[in-house]
């Protein structure tokens, strides 16, 4: 098995799940949901889908409940589009990496501003 295959499947899953959430799912809890990344296991049987509420609005716990309820539908639809022997089991988690990156950027900006103020 190619070591790039899980990455390629991750990209395909990301695009298809994002499209399904945007176009097909009518659950209002999922209206403002962004798929940030997808990680697929080496055997392609499990996928971890990282999501964020768009604009940081909404209850993340409510979003995860909605995604868990929609998971069987999403998995069926993904299985129809992707021609894999096994459709990966979808697990949805909140992406905390993006929030951490925003926090670090903010801290670096403040540090740069403080250093700029001392030189004057």
PDB file of N, CA and C in Angstrom:
ATOM      1  N   UNK A   1       0.850  -1.179   0.000  1.00  0.00           N
ATOM      2  CA  UNK A   1       0.000   0.000   0.000  1.00  0.00           C
ATOM      3  C   UNK A   1       0.892   1.237   0.000  1.00  0.00           C
ATOM      4  N   UNK A   2       0.557   2.197  -0.775  1.00  0.00           N
ATOM      5  CA  UNK A   2       1.317   3.440  -0.864  1.00  0.00           C
ATOM      6  C   UNK A   2       1.168   4.258   0.412  1.00  0.00           C
ATOM      7  N   UNK A   3       2.268   4.875   0.850  1.00  0.00           N
ATOM      8  CA  UNK A   3       2.197   5.701   2.056  1.00  0.00           C
ATOM      9  C   UNK A   3       1.467   7.015   1.803  1.00  0.00           C
ATOM     10  N   UNK A   4       1.268   7.381   0.552  1.00  0.00           N
ATOM     11  CA  UNK A   4       0.538   8.606   0.224  1.00  0.00           C
ATOM     12  C   UNK A   4      -0.967   8.383   0.142  1.00  0.00           C
ATOM     13  N   UNK A   5      -1.392   7.151   0.101  1.00  0.00           N
ATOM     14  CA  UNK A   5      -2.815   6.871  -0.074  1.00  0.00           C
ATOM     15  C   UNK A   5      -3.681   7.437   1.044  1.00  0.00           C
ATOM     16  N   UNK A   6      -3.321   7.278   2.323  1.00  0.00           N
ATOM     17  CA  UNK A   6      -4.141   7.896   3.377  1.00  0.00           C
ATOM     18  C   UNK A   6      -4.258   9.419   3.211  1.00  0.00           C
ATOM     19  N   UNK A   7      -3.199  10.060   2.749  1.00  0.00           N
ATOM     20  CA  UNK A   7      -3.260  11.506   2.522  1.00  0.00           C
ATOM     21  C   UNK A   7      -4.223  11.848   1.394  1.00  0.00           C
ATOM     22  N   UNK A   8      -4.168  11.076   0.325  1.00  0.00           N
ATOM     23  CA  UNK A   8      -5.080  11.325  -0.797  1.00  0.00           C
ATOM     24  C   UNK A   8      -6.527  11.085  -0.390  1.00  0.00           C
ATOM     25  N   UNK A   9      -6.759  10.010   0.352  1.00  0.00           N
ATOM     26  CA  UNK A   9      -8.117   9.715   0.825  1.00  0.00           C
ATOM     27  C   UNK A   9      -8.579  10.814   1.783  1.00  0.00           C
ATOM     28  N   UNK A  10      -7.680  11.329   2.618  1.00  0.00           N
ATOM     29  CA  UNK A  10      -8.018  12.429   3.529  1.00  0.00           C
ATOM     30  C   UNK A  10      -8.501  13.648   2.750  1.00  0.00           C
ATOM     31  N   UNK A  11      -7.794  13.979   1.691  1.00  0.00           N
ATOM     32  CA  UNK A  11      -8.181  15.135   0.872  1.00  0.00           C
ATOM     33  C   UNK A  11      -9.547  14.932   0.234  1.00  0.00           C
ATOM     34  N   UNK A  12      -9.780  13.731  -0.285  1.00  0.00           N
ATOM     35  CA  UNK A  12     -11.076  13.437  -0.906  1.00  0.00           C
ATOM     36  C   UNK A  12     -12.205  13.488   0.128  1.00  0.00           C
ATOM     37  N   UNK A  13     -11.962  12.903   1.303  1.00  0.00           N
ATOM     38  CA  UNK A  13     -12.965  12.942   2.369  1.00  0.00           C
ATOM     39  C   UNK A  13     -13.248  14.374   2.799  1.00  0.00           C
ATOM     40  N   UNK A  14     -12.199  15.160   2.951  1.00  0.00           N
ATOM     41  CA  UNK A  14     -12.360  16.560   3.364  1.00  0.00           C
ATOM     42  C   UNK A  14     -13.284  17.296   2.390  1.00  0.00           C
ATOM     43  N   UNK A  15     -12.974  17.177   1.108  1.00  0.00           N
ATOM     44  CA  UNK A  15     -13.769  17.876   0.095  1.00  0.00           C
ATOM     45  C   UNK A  15     -15.223  17.389   0.086  1.00  0.00           C
ATOM     46  N   UNK A  16     -15.419  16.076   0.164  1.00  0.00           N
ATOM     47  CA  UNK A  16     -16.775  15.526   0.072  1.00  0.00           C
ATOM     48  C   UNK A  16     -17.600  15.829   1.319  1.00  0.00           C
ATOM     49  N   UNK A  17     -17.012  15.706   2.498  1.00  0.00           N
ATOM     50  CA  UNK A  17     -17.751  16.003   3.727  1.00  0.00           C
ATOM     51  C   UNK A  17     -18.103  17.483   3.785  1.00  0.00           C
ATOM     52  N   UNK A  18     -17.171  18.350   3.403  1.00  0.00           N
ATOM     53  CA  UNK A  18     -17.455  19.784   3.382  1.00  0.00           C
ATOM     54  C   UNK A  18     -18.602  20.089   2.414  1.00  0.00           C
ATOM     55  N   UNK A  19     -18.573  19.450   1.244  1.00  0.00           N
ATOM     56  CA  UNK A  19     -19.648  19.664   0.261  1.00  0.00           C
ATOM     57  C   UNK A  19     -20.984  19.178   0.810  1.00  0.00           C
ATOM     58  N   UNK A  20     -21.003  18.001   1.411  1.00  0.00           N
ATOM     59  CA  UNK A  20     -22.249  17.460   1.962  1.00  0.00           C
ATOM     60  C   UNK A  20     -22.799  18.366   3.061  1.00  0.00           C
ATOM     61  N   UNK A  21     -21.954  18.846   3.942  1.00  0.00           N
ATOM     62  CA  UNK A  21     -22.414  19.726   5.019  1.00  0.00           C
ATOM     63  C   UNK A  21     -22.962  21.039   4.463  1.00  0.00           C
ATOM     64  N   UNK A  22     -22.350  21.514   3.391  1.00  0.00           N
ATOM     65  CA  UNK A  22     -22.759  22.785   2.794  1.00  0.00           C
ATOM     66  C   UNK A  22     -24.043  22.642   1.967  1.00  0.00           C
ATOM     67  N   UNK A  23     -24.186  21.523   1.247  1.00  0.00           N
ATOM     68  CA  UNK A  23     -25.270  21.405   0.266  1.00  0.00           C
ATOM     69  C   UNK A  23     -26.401  20.453   0.643  1.00  0.00           C
ATOM     70  N   UNK A  24     -26.122  19.392   1.387  1.00  0.00           N
ATOM     71  CA  UNK A  24     -27.111  18.342   1.577  1.00  0.00           C
ATOM     72  C   UNK A  24     -27.736  18.265   2.961  1.00  0.00           C
ATOM     73  N   UNK A  25     -26.983  18.572   3.983  1.00  0.00           N
ATOM     74  CA  UNK A  25     -27.470  18.388   5.349  1.00  0.00           C
ATOM     75  C   UNK A  25     -28.335  19.571   5.746  1.00  0.00           C
ATOM     76  N   UNK A  26     -29.531  19.274   6.260  1.00  0.00           N
ATOM     77  CA  UNK A  26     -30.473  20.349   6.599  1.00  0.00           C
ATOM     78  C   UNK A  26     -30.556  20.629   8.101  1.00  0.00           C
ATOM     79  N   UNK A  27     -29.746  19.957   8.894  1.00  0.00           N
ATOM     80  CA  UNK A  27     -29.753  20.165  10.341  1.00  0.00           C
ATOM     81  C   UNK A  27     -29.237  21.571  10.651  1.00  0.00           C
ATOM     82  N   UNK A  28     -30.028  22.420  11.318  1.00  0.00           N
ATOM     83  CA  UNK A  28     -29.593  23.796  11.594  1.00  0.00           C
ATOM     84  C   UNK A  28     -28.355  23.867  12.485  1.00  0.00           C
ATOM     85  N   UNK A  29     -28.083  22.832  13.263  1.00  0.00           N
ATOM     86  CA  UNK A  29     -26.881  22.824  14.099  1.00  0.00           C
ATOM     87  C   UNK A  29     -25.619  22.778  13.259  1.00  0.00           C
ATOM     88  N   UNK A  30     -25.743  22.300  12.016  1.00  0.00           N
ATOM     89  CA  UNK A  30     -24.579  22.117  11.156  1.00  0.00           C
ATOM     90  C   UNK A  30     -24.455  23.190  10.086  1.00  0.00           C
ATOM     91  N   UNK A  31     -25.318  24.189  10.134  1.00  0.00           N
ATOM     92  CA  UNK A  31     -25.317  25.225   9.099  1.00  0.00           C
ATOM     93  C   UNK A  31     -24.018  26.016   9.086  1.00  0.00           C
ATOM     94  N   UNK A  32     -23.453  26.277  10.239  1.00  0.00           N
ATOM     95  CA  UNK A  32     -22.232  27.075  10.323  1.00  0.00           C
ATOM     96  C   UNK A  32     -21.079  26.211  10.806  1.00  0.00           C
ATOM     97  N   UNK A  33     -20.737  25.201  10.002  1.00  0.00           N
ATOM     98  CA  UNK A  33     -19.684  24.258  10.368  1.00  0.00           C
ATOM     99  C   UNK A  33     -18.606  24.269   9.296  1.00  0.00           C
ATOM    100  N   UNK A  34     -17.364  24.297   9.725  1.00  0.00           N
ATOM    101  CA  UNK A  34     -16.244  24.274   8.795  1.00  0.00           C
ATOM    102  C   UNK A  34     -15.374  23.050   9.077  1.00  0.00           C
ATOM    103  N   UNK A  35     -15.078  22.286   8.042  1.00  0.00           N
ATOM    104  CA  UNK A  35     -14.182  21.138   8.165  1.00  0.00           C
ATOM    105  C   UNK A  35     -12.771  21.666   7.953  1.00  0.00           C
ATOM    106  N   UNK A  36     -11.923  21.538   8.972  1.00  0.00           N
ATOM    107  CA  UNK A  36     -10.573  22.088   8.868  1.00  0.00           C
ATOM    108  C   UNK A  36      -9.560  21.073   8.361  1.00  0.00           C
ATOM    109  N   UNK A  37      -9.711  19.805   8.742  1.00  0.00           N
ATOM    110  CA  UNK A  37      -8.821  18.761   8.237  1.00  0.00           C
ATOM    111  C   UNK A  37      -9.419  17.390   8.528  1.00  0.00           C
ATOM    112  N   UNK A  38      -8.901  16.405   7.820  1.00  0.00           N
ATOM    113  CA  UNK A  38      -9.333  15.024   8.013  1.00  0.00           C
ATOM    114  C   UNK A  38      -8.072  14.164   8.095  1.00  0.00           C
ATOM    115  N   UNK A  39      -8.012  13.313   9.089  1.00  0.00           N
ATOM    116  CA  UNK A  39      -6.902  12.371   9.267  1.00  0.00           C
ATOM    117  C   UNK A  39      -7.456  10.961   9.121  1.00  0.00           C
ATOM    118  N   UNK A  40      -6.843  10.185   8.227  1.00  0.00           N
ATOM    119  CA  UNK A  40      -7.301   8.822   7.960  1.00  0.00           C
ATOM    120  C   UNK A  40      -6.253   7.842   8.477  1.00  0.00           C
ATOM    121  N   UNK A  41      -6.707   6.763   9.081  1.00  0.00           N
ATOM    122  CA  UNK A  41      -5.792   5.741   9.574  1.00  0.00           C
ATOM    123  C   UNK A  41      -5.080   5.062   8.398  1.00  0.00           C
ATOM    124  N   UNK A  42      -3.976   4.400   8.692  1.00  0.00           N
ATOM    125  CA  UNK A  42      -3.186   3.746   7.644  1.00  0.00           C
ATOM    126  C   UNK A  42      -3.973   2.672   6.908  1.00  0.00           C
ATOM    127  N   UNK A  43      -4.897   1.997   7.605  1.00  0.00           N
ATOM    128  CA  UNK A  43      -5.693   0.952   6.947  1.00  0.00           C
ATOM    129  C   UNK A  43      -6.960   1.501   6.287  1.00  0.00           C
ATOM    130  N   UNK A  44      -7.153   2.809   6.341  1.00  0.00           N
ATOM    131  CA  UNK A  44      -8.266   3.528   5.692  1.00  0.00           C
ATOM    132  C   UNK A  44      -9.635   3.158   6.255  1.00  0.00           C
ATOM    133  N   UNK A  45      -9.684   2.596   7.455  1.00  0.00           N
ATOM    134  CA  UNK A  45     -10.973   2.198   8.040  1.00  0.00           C
ATOM    135  C   UNK A  45     -11.534   3.220   9.010  1.00  0.00           C
ATOM    136  N   UNK A  46     -10.738   4.207   9.410  1.00  0.00           N
ATOM    137  CA  UNK A  46     -11.206   5.215  10.362  1.00  0.00           C
ATOM    138  C   UNK A  46     -10.728   6.585   9.907  1.00  0.00           C
ATOM    139  N   UNK A  47     -11.597   7.577  10.085  1.00  0.00           N
ATOM    140  CA  UNK A  47     -11.254   8.951   9.731  1.00  0.00           C
ATOM    141  C   UNK A  47     -11.644   9.863  10.881  1.00  0.00           C
ATOM    142  N   UNK A  48     -10.740  10.734  11.240  1.00  0.00           N
ATOM    143  CA  UNK A  48     -10.974  11.722  12.287  1.00  0.00           C
ATOM    144  C   UNK A  48     -11.174  13.068  11.591  1.00  0.00           C
ATOM    145  N   UNK A  49     -12.375  13.608  11.688  1.00  0.00           N
ATOM    146  CA  UNK A  49     -12.737  14.844  10.987  1.00  0.00           C
ATOM    147  C   UNK A  49     -12.705  15.991  11.992  1.00  0.00           C
ATOM    148  N   UNK A  50     -11.810  16.950  11.756  1.00  0.00           N
ATOM    149  CA  UNK A  50     -11.665  18.104  12.641  1.00  0.00           C
ATOM    150  C   UNK A  50     -12.560  19.229  12.117  1.00  0.00           C
ATOM    151  N   UNK A  51     -13.387  19.777  12.997  1.00  0.00           N
ATOM    152  CA  UNK A  51     -14.357  20.799  12.606  1.00  0.00           C
ATOM    153  C   UNK A  51     -14.293  21.993  13.556  1.00  0.00           C
ATOM    154  N   UNK A  52     -14.808  23.111  13.067  1.00  0.00           N
ATOM    155  CA  UNK A  52     -14.948  24.325  13.868  1.00  0.00           C
ATOM    156  C   UNK A  52     -16.270  24.982  13.517  1.00  0.00           C
ATOM    157  N   UNK A  53     -16.918  25.610  14.492  1.00  0.00           N
ATOM    158  CA  UNK A  53     -18.077  26.431  14.152  1.00  0.00           C
ATOM    159  C   UNK A  53     -17.581  27.665  13.396  1.00  0.00           C
ATOM    160  N   UNK A  54     -18.214  27.994  12.300  1.00  0.00           N
ATOM    161  CA  UNK A  54     -17.815  29.165  11.515  1.00  0.00           C
ATOM    162  C   UNK A  54     -17.957  30.431  12.341  1.00  0.00           C
ATOM    163  N   UNK A  55     -16.939  31.257  12.296  1.00  0.00           N
ATOM    164  CA  UNK A  55     -16.980  32.521  13.016  1.00  0.00           C
ATOM    165  C   UNK A  55     -16.933  32.353  14.519  1.00  0.00           C
ATOM    166  N   UNK A  56     -16.680  31.150  14.992  1.00  0.00           N
ATOM    167  CA  UNK A  56     -16.634  30.901  16.429  1.00  0.00           C
ATOM    168  C   UNK A  56     -17.989  31.009  17.101  1.00  0.00           C
ATOM    169  N   UNK A  57     -19.051  31.026  16.298  1.00  0.00           N
ATOM    170  CA  UNK A  57     -20.399  31.160  16.844  1.00  0.00           C
ATOM    171  C   UNK A  57     -21.011  29.785  17.068  1.00  0.00           C
ATOM    172  N   UNK A  58     -21.958  29.733  17.958  1.00  0.00           N
ATOM    173  CA  UNK A  58     -22.656  28.487  18.217  1.00  0.00           C
ATOM    174  C   UNK A  58     -21.987  27.672  19.300  1.00  0.00           C
ATOM    175  N   UNK A  59     -22.726  26.704  19.776  1.00  0.00           N
ATOM    176  CA  UNK A  59     -22.264  25.828  20.841  1.00  0.00           C
ATOM    177  C   UNK A  59     -21.498  24.654  20.232  1.00  0.00           C
ATOM    178  N   UNK A  60     -20.199  24.519  20.530  1.00  0.00           N
ATOM    179  CA  UNK A  60     -19.431  23.406  19.965  1.00  0.00           C
ATOM    180  C   UNK A  60     -19.985  22.034  20.348  1.00  0.00           C
ATOM    181  N   UNK A  61     -20.494  21.903  21.564  1.00  0.00           N
ATOM    182  CA  UNK A  61     -21.065  20.619  21.978  1.00  0.00           C
ATOM    183  C   UNK A  61     -22.301  20.286  21.145  1.00  0.00           C
ATOM    184  N   UNK A  62     -23.115  21.290  20.848  1.00  0.00           N
ATOM    185  CA  UNK A  62     -24.304  21.100  20.013  1.00  0.00           C
ATOM    186  C   UNK A  62     -23.885  20.715  18.591  1.00  0.00           C
ATOM    187  N   UNK A  63     -22.830  21.341  18.103  1.00  0.00           N
ATOM    188  CA  UNK A  63     -22.305  21.024  16.775  1.00  0.00           C
ATOM    189  C   UNK A  63     -21.865  19.558  16.722  1.00  0.00           C
ATOM    190  N   UNK A  64     -21.134  19.105  17.727  1.00  0.00           N
ATOM    191  CA  UNK A  64     -20.678  17.716  17.753  1.00  0.00           C
ATOM    192  C   UNK A  64     -21.845  16.729  17.862  1.00  0.00           C
ATOM    193  N   UNK A  65     -22.877  17.097  18.617  1.00  0.00           N
ATOM    194  CA  UNK A  65     -24.067  16.231  18.697  1.00  0.00           C
ATOM    195  C   UNK A  65     -24.738  16.127  17.326  1.00  0.00           C
ATOM    196  N   UNK A  66     -24.839  17.234  16.631  1.00  0.00           N
ATOM    197  CA  UNK A  66     -25.437  17.226  15.293  1.00  0.00           C
ATOM    198  C   UNK A  66     -24.626  16.400  14.314  1.00  0.00           C
ATOM    199  N   UNK A  67     -23.303  16.516  14.398  1.00  0.00           N
ATOM    200  CA  UNK A  67     -22.443  15.736  13.507  1.00  0.00           C
ATOM    201  C   UNK A  67     -22.519  14.246  13.820  1.00  0.00           C
ATOM    202  N   UNK A  68     -22.622  13.912  15.094  1.00  0.00           N
ATOM    203  CA  UNK A  68     -22.745  12.507  15.465  1.00  0.00           C
ATOM    204  C   UNK A  68     -24.053  11.932  14.925  1.00  0.00           C
ATOM    205  N   UNK A  69     -25.123  12.722  14.991  1.00  0.00           N
ATOM    206  CA  UNK A  69     -26.411  12.275  14.461  1.00  0.00           C
ATOM    207  C   UNK A  69     -26.369  12.125  12.942  1.00  0.00           C
ATOM    208  N   UNK A  70     -25.616  13.004  12.266  1.00  0.00           N
ATOM    209  CA  UNK A  70     -25.543  12.975  10.801  1.00  0.00           C
ATOM    210  C   UNK A  70     -24.481  12.005  10.288  1.00  0.00           C
ATOM    211  N   UNK A  71     -23.665  11.471  11.168  1.00  0.00           N
ATOM    212  CA  UNK A  71     -22.540  10.625  10.771  1.00  0.00           C
ATOM    213  C   UNK A  71     -22.932   9.427   9.896  1.00  0.00           C
ATOM    214  N   UNK A  72     -23.973   8.664  10.229  1.00  0.00           N
ATOM    215  CA  UNK A  72     -24.333   7.535   9.345  1.00  0.00           C
ATOM    216  C   UNK A  72     -24.706   7.997   7.930  1.00  0.00           C
ATOM    217  N   UNK A  73     -25.441   9.090   7.834  1.00  0.00           N
ATOM    218  CA  UNK A  73     -25.814   9.625   6.518  1.00  0.00           C
ATOM    219  C   UNK A  73     -24.557  10.066   5.752  1.00  0.00           C
ATOM    220  N   UNK A  74     -23.679  10.810   6.435  1.00  0.00           N
ATOM    221  CA  UNK A  74     -22.460  11.292   5.783  1.00  0.00           C
ATOM    222  C   UNK A  74     -21.591  10.123   5.317  1.00  0.00           C
ATOM    223  N   UNK A  75     -21.487   9.102   6.143  1.00  0.00           N
ATOM    224  CA  UNK A  75     -20.676   7.940   5.787  1.00  0.00           C
ATOM    225  C   UNK A  75     -21.253   7.227   4.563  1.00  0.00           C
ATOM    226  N   UNK A  76     -22.572   7.076   4.524  1.00  0.00           N
ATOM    227  CA  UNK A  76     -23.210   6.439   3.355  1.00  0.00           C
ATOM    228  C   UNK A  76     -22.940   7.240   2.088  1.00  0.00           C
ATOM    229  N   UNK A  77     -23.108   8.552   2.168  1.00  0.00           N
ATOM    230  CA  UNK A  77     -22.905   9.400   0.994  1.00  0.00           C
ATOM    231  C   UNK A  77     -21.449   9.383   0.536  1.00  0.00           C
ATOM    232  N   UNK A  78     -20.534   9.434   1.479  1.00  0.00           N
ATOM    233  CA  UNK A  78     -19.107   9.376   1.142  1.00  0.00           C
ATOM    234  C   UNK A  78     -18.784   8.033   0.495  1.00  0.00           C
ATOM    235  N   UNK A  79     -19.358   6.964   1.019  1.00  0.00           N
ATOM    236  CA  UNK A  79     -19.129   5.635   0.454  1.00  0.00           C
ATOM    237  C   UNK A  79     -19.600   5.521  -0.978  1.00  0.00           C
ATOM    238  N   UNK A  80     -20.652   6.238  -1.325  1.00  0.00           N
ATOM    239  CA  UNK A  80     -21.153   6.203  -2.707  1.00  0.00           C
ATOM    240  C   UNK A  80     -20.230   6.937  -3.657  1.00  0.00           C
ATOM    241  N   UNK A  81     -19.608   8.013  -3.179  1.00  0.00           N
ATOM    242  CA  UNK A  81     -18.741   8.827  -4.030  1.00  0.00           C
ATOM    243  C   UNK A  81     -17.340   8.224  -4.143  1.00  0.00           C
ATOM    244  N   UNK A  82     -16.772   7.844  -3.005  1.00  0.00           N
ATOM    245  CA  UNK A  82     -15.434   7.259  -2.998  1.00  0.00           C
ATOM    246  C   UNK A  82     -15.565   5.758  -3.191  1.00  0.00           C
ATOM    247  N   UNK A  83     -14.836   5.232  -4.108  1.00  0.00           N
ATOM    248  CA  UNK A  83     -14.922   3.802  -4.372  1.00  0.00           C
ATOM    249  C   UNK A  83     -13.802   3.088  -3.616  1.00  0.00           C
ATOM    250  N   UNK A  84     -14.004   2.940  -2.334  1.00  0.00           N
ATOM    251  CA  UNK A  84     -13.055   2.241  -1.474  1.00  0.00           C
ATOM    252  C   UNK A  84     -13.667   0.913  -1.058  1.00  0.00           C
ATOM    253  N   UNK A  85     -12.826  -0.025  -0.719  1.00  0.00           N
ATOM    254  CA  UNK A  85     -13.331  -1.311  -0.244  1.00  0.00           C
ATOM    255  C   UNK A  85     -14.130  -1.127   1.040  1.00  0.00           C
ATOM    256  N   UNK A  86     -13.602  -0.305   1.956  1.00  0.00           N
ATOM    257  CA  UNK A  86     -14.287  -0.008   3.215  1.00  0.00           C
ATOM    258  C   UNK A  86     -14.454   1.496   3.332  1.00  0.00           C
ATOM    259  N   UNK A  87     -15.646   1.931   3.661  1.00  0.00           N
ATOM    260  CA  UNK A  87     -15.868   3.350   3.915  1.00  0.00           C
ATOM    261  C   UNK A  87     -15.407   3.636   5.337  1.00  0.00           C
ATOM    262  N   UNK A  88     -14.539   4.630   5.504  1.00  0.00           N
ATOM    263  CA  UNK A  88     -14.014   4.901   6.845  1.00  0.00           C
ATOM    264  C   UNK A  88     -15.114   5.285   7.841  1.00  0.00           C
ATOM    265  N   UNK A  89     -14.946   4.829   9.064  1.00  0.00           N
ATOM    266  CA  UNK A  89     -15.815   5.235  10.176  1.00  0.00           C
ATOM    267  C   UNK A  89     -15.452   6.681  10.504  1.00  0.00           C
ATOM    268  N   UNK A  90     -16.442   7.565  10.524  1.00  0.00           N
ATOM    269  CA  UNK A  90     -16.196   8.993  10.748  1.00  0.00           C
ATOM    270  C   UNK A  90     -16.329   9.353  12.221  1.00  0.00           C
ATOM    271  N   UNK A  91     -15.311   9.995  12.751  1.00  0.00           N
ATOM    272  CA  UNK A  91     -15.332  10.517  14.110  1.00  0.00           C
ATOM    273  C   UNK A  91     -15.088  12.015  14.018  1.00  0.00           C
ATOM    274  N   UNK A  92     -15.979  12.789  14.614  1.00  0.00           N
ATOM    275  CA  UNK A  92     -15.869  14.246  14.552  1.00  0.00           C
ATOM    276  C   UNK A  92     -15.307  14.792  15.861  1.00  0.00           C
ATOM    277  N   UNK A  93     -14.326  15.695  15.740  1.00  0.00           N
ATOM    278  CA  UNK A  93     -13.714  16.337  16.903  1.00  0.00           C
ATOM    279  C   UNK A  93     -13.549  17.827  16.613  1.00  0.00           C
ATOM    280  N   UNK A  94     -13.538  18.616  17.682  1.00  0.00           N
ATOM    281  CA  UNK A  94     -13.293  20.045  17.528  1.00  0.00           C
ATOM    282  C   UNK A  94     -11.817  20.262  17.246  1.00  0.00           C
ATOM    283  N   UNK A  95     -11.525  21.128  16.300  1.00  0.00           N
ATOM    284  CA  UNK A  95     -10.142  21.447  15.954  1.00  0.00           C
ATOM    285  C   UNK A  95      -9.656  22.559  16.866  1.00  0.00           C
ATOM    286  N   UNK A  96      -8.833  22.202  17.806  1.00  0.00           N
ATOM    287  CA  UNK A  96      -8.309  23.188  18.742  1.00  0.00           C
ATOM    288  C   UNK A  96      -6.994  23.772  18.249  1.00  0.00           C
ATOM    289  N   UNK A  97      -6.411  23.199  17.211  1.00  0.00           N
ATOM    290  CA  UNK A  97      -5.152  23.688  16.662  1.00  0.00           C
ATOM    291  C   UNK A  97      -5.281  25.077  16.074  1.00  0.00           C
ATOM    292  N   UNK A  98      -6.403  25.371  15.427  1.00  0.00           N
ATOM    293  CA  UNK A  98      -6.602  26.684  14.825  1.00  0.00           C
ATOM    294  C   UNK A  98      -6.727  27.750  15.893  1.00  0.00           C
ATOM    295  N   UNK A  99      -7.456  27.446  16.956  1.00  0.00           N
ATOM    296  CA  UNK A  99      -7.576  28.406  18.050  1.00  0.00           C
ATOM    297  C   UNK A  99      -6.221  28.672  18.690  1.00  0.00           C
ATOM    298  N   UNK A 100      -5.419  27.632  18.827  1.00  0.00           N
ATOM    299  CA  UNK A 100      -4.082  27.774  19.400  1.00  0.00           C
ATOM    300  C   UNK A 100      -3.201  28.628  18.493  1.00  0.00           C
ATOM    301  N   UNK A 101      -3.318  28.453  17.180  1.00  0.00           N
ATOM    302  CA  UNK A 101      -2.540  29.254  16.240  1.00  0.00           C
ATOM    303  C   UNK A 101      -2.932  30.725  16.324  1.00  0.00           C
ATOM    304  N   UNK A 102      -4.218  31.011  16.456  1.00  0.00           N
ATOM    305  CA  UNK A 102      -4.684  32.397  16.584  1.00  0.00           C
ATOM    306  C   UNK A 102      -4.158  33.001  17.881  1.00  0.00           C
ATOM    307  N   UNK A 103      -4.185  32.220  18.949  1.00  0.00           N
ATOM    308  CA  UNK A 103      -3.682  32.705  20.233  1.00  0.00           C
ATOM    309  C   UNK A 103      -2.187  33.010  20.150  1.00  0.00           C
ATOM    310  N   UNK A 104      -1.411  32.129  19.536  1.00  0.00           N
ATOM    311  CA  UNK A 104       0.031  32.334  19.404  1.00  0.00           C
ATOM    312  C   UNK A 104       0.337  33.551  18.538  1.00  0.00           C
ATOM    313  N   UNK A 105      -0.413  33.747  17.469  1.00  0.00           N
ATOM    314  CA  UNK A 105      -0.216  34.914  16.613  1.00  0.00           C
ATOM    315  C   UNK A 105      -0.489  36.193  17.387  1.00  0.00           C
ATOM    316  N   UNK A 106      -1.529  36.169  18.195  1.00  0.00           N
ATOM    317  CA  UNK A 106      -1.857  37.320  19.026  1.00  0.00           C
ATOM    318  C   UNK A 106      -0.736  37.611  20.017  1.00  0.00           C
ATOM    319  N   UNK A 107      -0.213  36.566  20.664  1.00  0.00           N
ATOM    320  CA  UNK A 107       0.885  36.742  21.618  1.00  0.00           C
ATOM    321  C   UNK A 107       2.136  37.284  20.930  1.00  0.00           C
ATOM    322  N   UNK A 108       2.452  36.768  19.762  1.00  0.00           N
ATOM    323  CA  UNK A 108       3.620  37.255  19.024  1.00  0.00           C
ATOM    324  C   UNK A 108       3.442  38.706  18.594  1.00  0.00           C
ATOM    325  N   UNK A 109       2.212  39.060  18.221  1.00  0.00           N
ATOM    326  CA  UNK A 109       1.929  40.457  17.858  1.00  0.00           C
ATOM    327  C   UNK A 109       2.115  41.396  19.038  1.00  0.00           C
ATOM    328  N   UNK A 110       1.641  40.978  20.203  1.00  0.00           N
ATOM    329  CA  UNK A 110       1.823  41.809  21.406  1.00  0.00           C
ATOM    330  C   UNK A 110       3.295  41.927  21.780  1.00  0.00           C
ATOM    331  N   UNK A 111       4.031  40.834  21.652  1.00  0.00           N
ATOM    332  CA  UNK A 111       5.460  40.849  21.959  1.00  0.00           C
ATOM    333  C   UNK A 111       6.199  41.786  21.016  1.00  0.00           C
ATOM    334  N   UNK A 112       5.866  41.737  19.751  1.00  0.00           N
ATOM    335  CA  UNK A 112       6.506  42.618  18.769  1.00  0.00           C
ATOM    336  C   UNK A 112       6.164  44.076  19.060  1.00  0.00           C
ATOM    337  N   UNK A 113       4.928  44.341  19.464  1.00  0.00           N
ATOM    338  CA  UNK A 113       4.510  45.713  19.787  1.00  0.00           C
ATOM    339  C   UNK A 113       5.259  46.220  21.016  1.00  0.00           C
ATOM    340  N   UNK A 114       5.434  45.347  22.012  1.00  0.00           N
ATOM    341  CA  UNK A 114       6.164  45.739  23.222  1.00  0.00           C
ATOM    342  C   UNK A 114       7.620  46.025  22.911  1.00  0.00           C
ATOM    343  N   UNK A 115       8.246  45.215  22.089  1.00  0.00           N
ATOM    344  CA  UNK A 115       9.642  45.434  21.714  1.00  0.00           C
ATOM    345  C   UNK A 115       9.804  46.695  20.889  1.00  0.00           C
ATOM    346  N   UNK A 116       8.832  46.964  20.032  1.00  0.00           N
ATOM    347  CA  UNK A 116       8.859  48.196  19.235  1.00  0.00           C
ATOM    348  C   UNK A 116       8.719  49.421  20.111  1.00  0.00           C
ATOM    349  N   UNK A 117       7.940  49.353  21.174  1.00  0.00           N
ATOM    350  CA  UNK A 117       7.729  50.466  22.099  1.00  0.00           C
ATOM    351  C   UNK A 117       8.954  50.754  22.928  1.00  0.00           C
ATOM    352  N   UNK A 118       9.767  49.738  23.250  1.00  0.00           N
ATOM    353  CA  UNK A 118      10.962  49.939  24.061  1.00  0.00           C
ATOM    354  C   UNK A 118      12.061  50.623  23.291  1.00  0.00           C
ATOM    355  N   UNK A 119      12.109  50.427  21.956  1.00  0.00           N
ATOM    356  CA  UNK A 119      13.176  51.010  21.141  1.00  0.00           C
ATOM    357  C   UNK A 119      13.006  52.511  20.964  1.00  0.00           C
ATOM    358  N   UNK A 120      11.810  53.027  21.088  1.00  0.00           N
ATOM    359  CA  UNK A 120      11.561  54.442  20.842  1.00  0.00           C
ATOM    360  C   UNK A 120      11.997  55.307  21.957  1.00  0.00           C
TER     361      UNK A 120
END
